[in-house]
Amino acid sequence: MHALPDGEAELSLVIRLPWEDVARLGQEAGRLASQMQRPVTLDEAVSHRLRSARPAASHAKPAAEQSASVSSGAGVTSLPRISGTA
């Protein structure tokens, strides 16, 4: 993790995604590119998606509740779908 000049932080990690999720991120990048009138990377699409799909006060859950949700196997597929279709 390192700090960025704009006051945010950047965290690098590696995750494995099914191709369907990668395709959805590609669709999101295309949609954002149309809105912003410039090319958008998958990294930007992921960042935008995570910022727009923040669960309300998830950081405030009790530790036992957080560890239960992590150990239950909740992953990328449990995030809201980008295109709105299941």
PDB file of N, CA and C in Angstrom:
ATOM      1  N   MET A   1       0.852  -1.152   0.000  1.00  0.00           N
ATOM      2  CA  MET A   1       0.000   0.000   0.000  1.00  0.00           C
ATOM      3  C   MET A   1       0.904   1.223   0.000  1.00  0.00           C
ATOM      4  N   HIS A   2       0.505   2.232  -0.762  1.00  0.00           N
ATOM      5  CA  HIS A   2       1.238   3.489  -0.718  1.00  0.00           C
ATOM      6  C   HIS A   2       0.290   4.659  -0.941  1.00  0.00           C
ATOM      7  N   ALA A   3       0.711   5.800  -0.397  1.00  0.00           N
ATOM      8  CA  ALA A   3      -0.109   7.011  -0.479  1.00  0.00           C
ATOM      9  C   ALA A   3       0.026   7.655  -1.852  1.00  0.00           C
ATOM     10  N   LEU A   4      -1.059   8.243  -2.310  1.00  0.00           N
ATOM     11  CA  LEU A   4      -1.076   8.964  -3.577  1.00  0.00           C
ATOM     12  C   LEU A   4      -1.110  10.464  -3.303  1.00  0.00           C
ATOM     13  N   PRO A   5      -0.630  11.265  -4.245  1.00  0.00           N
ATOM     14  CA  PRO A   5      -0.596  12.716  -4.035  1.00  0.00           C
ATOM     15  C   PRO A   5      -1.972  13.345  -3.788  1.00  0.00           C
ATOM     16  N   ASP A   6      -3.033  12.716  -4.283  1.00  0.00           N
ATOM     17  CA  ASP A   6      -4.372  13.298  -4.120  1.00  0.00           C
ATOM     18  C   ASP A   6      -5.005  12.972  -2.768  1.00  0.00           C
ATOM     19  N   GLY A   7      -4.233  12.351  -1.869  1.00  0.00           N
ATOM     20  CA  GLY A   7      -4.736  12.064  -0.532  1.00  0.00           C
ATOM     21  C   GLY A   7      -5.351  10.683  -0.393  1.00  0.00           C
ATOM     22  N   GLU A   8      -5.408   9.917  -1.467  1.00  0.00           N
ATOM     23  CA  GLU A   8      -5.926   8.555  -1.388  1.00  0.00           C
ATOM     24  C   GLU A   8      -4.768   7.582  -1.217  1.00  0.00           C
ATOM     25  N   ALA A   9      -5.078   6.326  -1.045  1.00  0.00           N
ATOM     26  CA  ALA A   9      -4.065   5.280  -0.930  1.00  0.00           C
ATOM     27  C   ALA A   9      -4.310   4.247  -2.015  1.00  0.00           C
ATOM     28  N   GLU A  10      -3.252   3.599  -2.451  1.00  0.00           N
ATOM     29  CA  GLU A  10      -3.366   2.562  -3.462  1.00  0.00           C
ATOM     30  C   GLU A  10      -2.904   1.247  -2.862  1.00  0.00           C
ATOM     31  N   LEU A  11      -3.706   0.212  -3.034  1.00  0.00           N
ATOM     32  CA  LEU A  11      -3.411  -1.116  -2.527  1.00  0.00           C
ATOM     33  C   LEU A  11      -3.354  -2.056  -3.710  1.00  0.00           C
ATOM     34  N   SER A  12      -2.268  -2.781  -3.850  1.00  0.00           N
ATOM     35  CA  SER A  12      -2.131  -3.735  -4.944  1.00  0.00           C
ATOM     36  C   SER A  12      -2.383  -5.142  -4.418  1.00  0.00           C
ATOM     37  N   LEU A  13      -3.190  -5.906  -5.151  1.00  0.00           N
ATOM     38  CA  LEU A  13      -3.434  -7.283  -4.791  1.00  0.00           C
ATOM     39  C   LEU A  13      -3.747  -8.094  -6.045  1.00  0.00           C
ATOM     40  N   VAL A  14      -3.654  -9.380  -5.913  1.00  0.00           N
ATOM     41  CA  VAL A  14      -3.937 -10.285  -7.023  1.00  0.00           C
ATOM     42  C   VAL A  14      -5.155 -11.109  -6.649  1.00  0.00           C
ATOM     43  N   ILE A  15      -6.141 -11.138  -7.534  1.00  0.00           N
ATOM     44  CA  ILE A  15      -7.331 -11.963  -7.318  1.00  0.00           C
ATOM     45  C   ILE A  15      -7.593 -12.779  -8.569  1.00  0.00           C
ATOM     46  N   ARG A  16      -8.262 -13.881  -8.396  1.00  0.00           N
ATOM     47  CA  ARG A  16      -8.647 -14.729  -9.526  1.00  0.00           C
ATOM     48  C   ARG A  16     -10.129 -14.524  -9.778  1.00  0.00           C
ATOM     49  N   LEU A  17     -10.469 -14.235 -11.032  1.00  0.00           N
ATOM     50  CA  LEU A  17     -11.854 -13.975 -11.407  1.00  0.00           C
ATOM     51  C   LEU A  17     -12.286 -14.918 -12.515  1.00  0.00           C
ATOM     52  N   PRO A  18     -13.545 -15.317 -12.491  1.00  0.00           N
ATOM     53  CA  PRO A  18     -14.077 -16.064 -13.632  1.00  0.00           C
ATOM     54  C   PRO A  18     -14.147 -15.121 -14.844  1.00  0.00           C
ATOM     55  N   TRP A  19     -14.062 -15.683 -16.032  1.00  0.00           N
ATOM     56  CA  TRP A  19     -14.096 -14.863 -17.247  1.00  0.00           C
ATOM     57  C   TRP A  19     -15.374 -14.041 -17.346  1.00  0.00           C
ATOM     58  N   GLU A  20     -16.459 -14.533 -16.784  1.00  0.00           N
ATOM     59  CA  GLU A  20     -17.721 -13.777 -16.831  1.00  0.00           C
ATOM     60  C   GLU A  20     -17.581 -12.444 -16.092  1.00  0.00           C
ATOM     61  N   ASP A  21     -16.884 -12.455 -14.943  1.00  0.00           N
ATOM     62  CA  ASP A  21     -16.677 -11.221 -14.191  1.00  0.00           C
ATOM     63  C   ASP A  21     -15.738 -10.275 -14.937  1.00  0.00           C
ATOM     64  N   VAL A  22     -14.722 -10.831 -15.601  1.00  0.00           N
ATOM     65  CA  VAL A  22     -13.813 -10.006 -16.402  1.00  0.00           C
ATOM     66  C   VAL A  22     -14.588  -9.351 -17.545  1.00  0.00           C
ATOM     67  N   ALA A  23     -15.484 -10.105 -18.163  1.00  0.00           N
ATOM     68  CA  ALA A  23     -16.303  -9.550 -19.244  1.00  0.00           C
ATOM     69  C   ALA A  23     -17.190  -8.422 -18.724  1.00  0.00           C
ATOM     70  N   ARG A  24     -17.770  -8.593 -17.543  1.00  0.00           N
ATOM     71  CA  ARG A  24     -18.592  -7.526 -16.951  1.00  0.00           C
ATOM     72  C   ARG A  24     -17.765  -6.275 -16.680  1.00  0.00           C
ATOM     73  N   LEU A  25     -16.539  -6.478 -16.214  1.00  0.00           N
ATOM     74  CA  LEU A  25     -15.664  -5.324 -15.989  1.00  0.00           C
ATOM     75  C   LEU A  25     -15.325  -4.634 -17.303  1.00  0.00           C
ATOM     76  N   GLY A  26     -15.163  -5.401 -18.359  1.00  0.00           N
ATOM     77  CA  GLY A  26     -14.940  -4.820 -19.680  1.00  0.00           C
ATOM     78  C   GLY A  26     -16.131  -3.992 -20.129  1.00  0.00           C
ATOM     79  N   GLN A  27     -17.332  -4.481 -19.854  1.00  0.00           N
ATOM     80  CA  GLN A  27     -18.542  -3.720 -20.183  1.00  0.00           C
ATOM     81  C   GLN A  27     -18.597  -2.433 -19.370  1.00  0.00           C
ATOM     82  N   GLU A  28     -18.238  -2.519 -18.103  1.00  0.00           N
ATOM     83  CA  GLU A  28     -18.210  -1.335 -17.243  1.00  0.00           C
ATOM     84  C   GLU A  28     -17.186  -0.327 -17.762  1.00  0.00           C
ATOM     85  N   ALA A  29     -16.006  -0.811 -18.158  1.00  0.00           N
ATOM     86  CA  ALA A  29     -14.973   0.076 -18.701  1.00  0.00           C
ATOM     87  C   ALA A  29     -15.475   0.765 -19.969  1.00  0.00           C
ATOM     88  N   GLY A  30     -16.174   0.035 -20.826  1.00  0.00           N
ATOM     89  CA  GLY A  30     -16.737   0.625 -22.036  1.00  0.00           C
ATOM     90  C   GLY A  30     -17.775   1.685 -21.730  1.00  0.00           C
ATOM     91  N   ARG A  31     -18.619   1.419 -20.749  1.00  0.00           N
ATOM     92  CA  ARG A  31     -19.642   2.388 -20.351  1.00  0.00           C
ATOM     93  C   ARG A  31     -19.000   3.650 -19.785  1.00  0.00           C
ATOM     94  N   LEU A  32     -17.991   3.465 -18.915  1.00  0.00           N
ATOM     95  CA  LEU A  32     -17.296   4.616 -18.351  1.00  0.00           C
ATOM     96  C   LEU A  32     -16.555   5.414 -19.429  1.00  0.00           C
ATOM     97  N   ALA A  33     -15.948   4.703 -20.372  1.00  0.00           N
ATOM     98  CA  ALA A  33     -15.234   5.374 -21.461  1.00  0.00           C
ATOM     99  C   ALA A  33     -16.186   6.252 -22.269  1.00  0.00           C
ATOM    100  N   SER A  34     -17.406   5.772 -22.492  1.00  0.00           N
ATOM    101  CA  SER A  34     -18.403   6.575 -23.207  1.00  0.00           C
ATOM    102  C   SER A  34     -18.771   7.822 -22.418  1.00  0.00           C
ATOM    103  N   GLN A  35     -18.929   7.659 -21.108  1.00  0.00           N
ATOM    104  CA  GLN A  35     -19.274   8.801 -20.256  1.00  0.00           C
ATOM    105  C   GLN A  35     -18.138   9.815 -20.179  1.00  0.00           C
ATOM    106  N   MET A  36     -16.908   9.310 -20.033  1.00  0.00           N
ATOM    107  CA  MET A  36     -15.757  10.195 -19.814  1.00  0.00           C
ATOM    108  C   MET A  36     -15.110  10.668 -21.114  1.00  0.00           C
ATOM    109  N   GLN A  37     -15.529  10.103 -22.229  1.00  0.00           N
ATOM    110  CA  GLN A  37     -14.975  10.455 -23.534  1.00  0.00           C
ATOM    111  C   GLN A  37     -13.459  10.248 -23.600  1.00  0.00           C
ATOM    112  N   ARG A  38     -13.001   9.132 -23.008  1.00  0.00           N
ATOM    113  CA  ARG A  38     -11.580   8.769 -23.041  1.00  0.00           C
ATOM    114  C   ARG A  38     -11.468   7.275 -22.746  1.00  0.00           C
ATOM    115  N   PRO A  39     -10.354   6.674 -23.090  1.00  0.00           N
ATOM    116  CA  PRO A  39     -10.171   5.258 -22.754  1.00  0.00           C
ATOM    117  C   PRO A  39     -10.159   5.035 -21.243  1.00  0.00           C
ATOM    118  N   VAL A  40     -10.698   3.906 -20.805  1.00  0.00           N
ATOM    119  CA  VAL A  40     -10.753   3.550 -19.388  1.00  0.00           C
ATOM    120  C   VAL A  40     -10.187   2.142 -19.236  1.00  0.00           C
ATOM    121  N   THR A  41      -9.266   1.967 -18.291  1.00  0.00           N
ATOM    122  CA  THR A  41      -8.676   0.650 -18.061  1.00  0.00           C
ATOM    123  C   THR A  41      -9.591  -0.201 -17.186  1.00  0.00           C
ATOM    124  N   LEU A  42      -9.336  -1.491 -17.168  1.00  0.00           N
ATOM    125  CA  LEU A  42     -10.087  -2.368 -16.269  1.00  0.00           C
ATOM    126  C   LEU A  42      -9.827  -1.986 -14.814  1.00  0.00           C
ATOM    127  N   ASP A  43      -8.609  -1.543 -14.501  1.00  0.00           N
ATOM    128  CA  ASP A  43      -8.303  -1.085 -13.139  1.00  0.00           C
ATOM    129  C   ASP A  43      -9.226   0.064 -12.744  1.00  0.00           C
ATOM    130  N   GLU A  44      -9.406   1.020 -13.653  1.00  0.00           N
ATOM    131  CA  GLU A  44     -10.301   2.145 -13.363  1.00  0.00           C
ATOM    132  C   GLU A  44     -11.736   1.673 -13.197  1.00  0.00           C
ATOM    133  N   ALA A  45     -12.148   0.717 -14.026  1.00  0.00           N
ATOM    134  CA  ALA A  45     -13.516   0.191 -13.929  1.00  0.00           C
ATOM    135  C   ALA A  45     -13.726  -0.501 -12.591  1.00  0.00           C
ATOM    136  N   VAL A  46     -12.740  -1.268 -12.153  1.00  0.00           N
ATOM    137  CA  VAL A  46     -12.834  -1.939 -10.849  1.00  0.00           C
ATOM    138  C   VAL A  46     -12.919  -0.905  -9.738  1.00  0.00           C
ATOM    139  N   SER A  47     -12.048   0.096  -9.782  1.00  0.00           N
ATOM    140  CA  SER A  47     -12.048   1.134  -8.759  1.00  0.00           C
ATOM    141  C   SER A  47     -13.389   1.856  -8.710  1.00  0.00           C
ATOM    142  N   HIS A  48     -13.914   2.206  -9.869  1.00  0.00           N
ATOM    143  CA  HIS A  48     -15.211   2.889  -9.932  1.00  0.00           C
ATOM    144  C   HIS A  48     -16.305   1.995  -9.378  1.00  0.00           C
ATOM    145  N   ARG A  49     -16.264   0.716  -9.750  1.00  0.00           N
ATOM    146  CA  ARG A  49     -17.285  -0.232  -9.302  1.00  0.00           C
ATOM    147  C   ARG A  49     -17.257  -0.404  -7.792  1.00  0.00           C
ATOM    148  N   LEU A  50     -16.069  -0.513  -7.239  1.00  0.00           N
ATOM    149  CA  LEU A  50     -15.955  -0.676  -5.790  1.00  0.00           C
ATOM    150  C   LEU A  50     -16.419   0.574  -5.053  1.00  0.00           C
ATOM    151  N   ARG A  51     -16.123   1.727  -5.596  1.00  0.00           N
ATOM    152  CA  ARG A  51     -16.552   2.971  -4.953  1.00  0.00           C
ATOM    153  C   ARG A  51     -18.054   3.155  -5.030  1.00  0.00           C
ATOM    154  N   SER A  52     -18.665   2.742  -6.122  1.00  0.00           N
ATOM    155  CA  SER A  52     -20.106   2.949  -6.278  1.00  0.00           C
ATOM    156  C   SER A  52     -20.928   1.853  -5.617  1.00  0.00           C
ATOM    157  N   ALA A  53     -20.303   0.753  -5.208  1.00  0.00           N
ATOM    158  CA  ALA A  53     -21.038  -0.376  -4.615  1.00  0.00           C
ATOM    159  C   ALA A  53     -20.633  -0.613  -3.168  1.00  0.00           C
ATOM    160  N   ARG A  54     -20.207   0.435  -2.480  1.00  0.00           N
ATOM    161  CA  ARG A  54     -19.789   0.275  -1.087  1.00  0.00           C
ATOM    162  C   ARG A  54     -20.956  -0.154  -0.218  1.00  0.00           C
ATOM    163  N   PRO A  55     -20.786  -1.217   0.555  1.00  0.00           N
ATOM    164  CA  PRO A  55     -21.823  -1.568   1.527  1.00  0.00           C
ATOM    165  C   PRO A  55     -21.835  -0.526   2.639  1.00  0.00           C
ATOM    166  N   ALA A  56     -23.006  -0.223   3.136  1.00  0.00           N
ATOM    167  CA  ALA A  56     -23.146   0.800   4.174  1.00  0.00           C
ATOM    168  C   ALA A  56     -22.490   0.342   5.467  1.00  0.00           C
ATOM    169  N   ALA A  57     -21.529   1.100   5.939  1.00  0.00           N
ATOM    170  CA  ALA A  57     -20.869   0.912   7.232  1.00  0.00           C
ATOM    171  C   ALA A  57     -20.369  -0.514   7.452  1.00  0.00           C
ATOM    172  N   SER A  58     -19.827  -1.149   6.413  1.00  0.00           N
ATOM    173  CA  SER A  58     -19.331  -2.513   6.592  1.00  0.00           C
ATOM    174  C   SER A  58     -18.138  -2.551   7.539  1.00  0.00           C
ATOM    175  N   HIS A  59     -17.411  -1.439   7.650  1.00  0.00           N
ATOM    176  CA  HIS A  59     -16.267  -1.397   8.548  1.00  0.00           C
ATOM    177  C   HIS A  59     -16.693  -1.357  10.018  1.00  0.00           C
ATOM    178  N   ALA A  60     -17.964  -1.087  10.260  1.00  0.00           N
ATOM    179  CA  ALA A  60     -18.438  -0.966  11.630  1.00  0.00           C
ATOM    180  C   ALA A  60     -19.001  -2.268  12.190  1.00  0.00           C
ATOM    181  N   LYS A  61     -18.961  -3.341  11.418  1.00  0.00           N
ATOM    182  CA  LYS A  61     -19.473  -4.620  11.914  1.00  0.00           C
ATOM    183  C   LYS A  61     -18.588  -5.141  13.032  1.00  0.00           C
ATOM    184  N   PRO A  62     -19.170  -5.819  13.992  1.00  0.00           N
ATOM    185  CA  PRO A  62     -18.350  -6.461  15.032  1.00  0.00           C
ATOM    186  C   PRO A  62     -17.391  -7.473  14.400  1.00  0.00           C
ATOM    187  N   ALA A  63     -16.239  -7.674  15.013  1.00  0.00           N
ATOM    188  CA  ALA A  63     -15.202  -8.541  14.462  1.00  0.00           C
ATOM    189  C   ALA A  63     -15.720  -9.948  14.182  1.00  0.00           C
ATOM    190  N   ALA A  64     -16.530 -10.509  15.055  1.00  0.00           N
ATOM    191  CA  ALA A  64     -17.050 -11.865  14.849  1.00  0.00           C
ATOM    192  C   ALA A  64     -17.924 -11.929  13.607  1.00  0.00           C
ATOM    193  N   GLU A  65     -18.705 -10.891  13.373  1.00  0.00           N
ATOM    194  CA  GLU A  65     -19.581 -10.862  12.210  1.00  0.00           C
ATOM    195  C   GLU A  65     -18.769 -10.731  10.930  1.00  0.00           C
ATOM    196  N   GLN A  66     -17.686  -9.926  10.945  1.00  0.00           N
ATOM    197  CA  GLN A  66     -16.830  -9.772   9.783  1.00  0.00           C
ATOM    198  C   GLN A  66     -16.147 -11.073   9.441  1.00  0.00           C
ATOM    199  N   SER A  67     -15.590 -11.766  10.438  1.00  0.00           N
ATOM    200  CA  SER A  67     -14.884 -13.004  10.152  1.00  0.00           C
ATOM    201  C   SER A  67     -15.845 -14.073   9.650  1.00  0.00           C
ATOM    202  N   ALA A  68     -17.089 -14.045  10.090  1.00  0.00           N
ATOM    203  CA  ALA A  68     -18.069 -15.013   9.604  1.00  0.00           C
ATOM    204  C   ALA A  68     -18.374 -14.771   8.136  1.00  0.00           C
ATOM    205  N   SER A  69     -18.474 -13.519   7.712  1.00  0.00           N
ATOM    206  CA  SER A  69     -18.780 -13.246   6.313  1.00  0.00           C
ATOM    207  C   SER A  69     -17.589 -13.565   5.422  1.00  0.00           C
ATOM    208  N   VAL A  70     -16.360 -13.375   5.913  1.00  0.00           N
ATOM    209  CA  VAL A  70     -15.180 -13.698   5.127  1.00  0.00           C
ATOM    210  C   VAL A  70     -15.038 -15.205   4.989  1.00  0.00           C
ATOM    211  N   SER A  71     -15.256 -15.942   6.066  1.00  0.00           N
ATOM    212  CA  SER A  71     -15.075 -17.388   6.018  1.00  0.00           C
ATOM    213  C   SER A  71     -16.218 -18.098   5.306  1.00  0.00           C
ATOM    214  N   SER A  72     -17.320 -17.400   5.050  1.00  0.00           N
ATOM    215  CA  SER A  72     -18.448 -18.049   4.393  1.00  0.00           C
ATOM    216  C   SER A  72     -18.239 -18.221   2.907  1.00  0.00           C
ATOM    217  N   GLY A  73     -17.111 -17.702   2.377  1.00  0.00           N
ATOM    218  CA  GLY A  73     -16.831 -17.862   0.964  1.00  0.00           C
ATOM    219  C   GLY A  73     -17.399 -16.740   0.117  1.00  0.00           C
ATOM    220  N   ALA A  74     -17.836 -15.649   0.727  1.00  0.00           N
ATOM    221  CA  ALA A  74     -18.334 -14.518  -0.056  1.00  0.00           C
ATOM    222  C   ALA A  74     -17.181 -13.977  -0.883  1.00  0.00           C
ATOM    223  N   GLY A  75     -17.411 -13.808  -2.173  1.00  0.00           N
ATOM    224  CA  GLY A  75     -16.347 -13.346  -3.051  1.00  0.00           C
ATOM    225  C   GLY A  75     -16.856 -12.339  -4.040  1.00  0.00           C
ATOM    226  N   VAL A  76     -16.160 -12.235  -5.149  1.00  0.00           N
ATOM    227  CA  VAL A  76     -16.512 -11.269  -6.181  1.00  0.00           C
ATOM    228  C   VAL A  76     -17.924 -11.525  -6.693  1.00  0.00           C
ATOM    229  N   THR A  77     -18.323 -12.784  -6.772  1.00  0.00           N
ATOM    230  CA  THR A  77     -19.650 -13.081  -7.303  1.00  0.00           C
ATOM    231  C   THR A  77     -20.759 -12.593  -6.384  1.00  0.00           C
ATOM    232  N   SER A  78     -20.431 -12.254  -5.127  1.00  0.00           N
ATOM    233  CA  SER A  78     -21.462 -11.746  -4.233  1.00  0.00           C
ATOM    234  C   SER A  78     -21.637 -10.234  -4.355  1.00  0.00           C
ATOM    235  N   LEU A  79     -20.757  -9.575  -5.133  1.00  0.00           N
ATOM    236  CA  LEU A  79     -20.899  -8.141  -5.357  1.00  0.00           C
ATOM    237  C   LEU A  79     -22.063  -7.889  -6.305  1.00  0.00           C
ATOM    238  N   PRO A  80     -22.643  -6.705  -6.227  1.00  0.00           N
ATOM    239  CA  PRO A  80     -23.717  -6.382  -7.180  1.00  0.00           C
ATOM    240  C   PRO A  80     -23.199  -6.484  -8.609  1.00  0.00           C
ATOM    241  N   ARG A  81     -24.019  -6.959  -9.499  1.00  0.00           N
ATOM    242  CA  ARG A  81     -23.633  -7.120 -10.897  1.00  0.00           C
ATOM    243  C   ARG A  81     -23.469  -5.764 -11.559  1.00  0.00           C
ATOM    244  N   ILE A  82     -22.500  -5.655 -12.445  1.00  0.00           N
ATOM    245  CA  ILE A  82     -22.209  -4.394 -13.119  1.00  0.00           C
ATOM    246  C   ILE A  82     -23.327  -4.013 -14.066  1.00  0.00           C
ATOM    247  N   SER A  83     -23.802  -4.957 -14.856  1.00  0.00           N
ATOM    248  CA  SER A  83     -24.797  -4.633 -15.868  1.00  0.00           C
ATOM    249  C   SER A  83     -26.219  -4.647 -15.313  1.00  0.00           C
ATOM    250  N   GLY A  84     -26.377  -5.079 -14.087  1.00  0.00           N
ATOM    251  CA  GLY A  84     -27.701  -5.149 -13.503  1.00  0.00           C
ATOM    252  C   GLY A  84     -28.448  -6.431 -13.832  1.00  0.00           C
ATOM    253  N   THR A  85     -27.800  -7.329 -14.558  1.00  0.00           N
ATOM    254  CA  THR A  85     -28.431  -8.610 -14.875  1.00  0.00           C
ATOM    255  C   THR A  85     -27.725  -9.711 -14.098  1.00  0.00           C
ATOM    256  N   ALA A  86     -28.443 -10.760 -13.785  1.00  0.00           N
ATOM    257  CA  ALA A  86     -27.853 -11.856 -13.024  1.00  0.00           C
ATOM    258  C   ALA A  86     -27.331 -12.938 -13.913  1.00  0.00           C
TER     259      ALA A  86
END
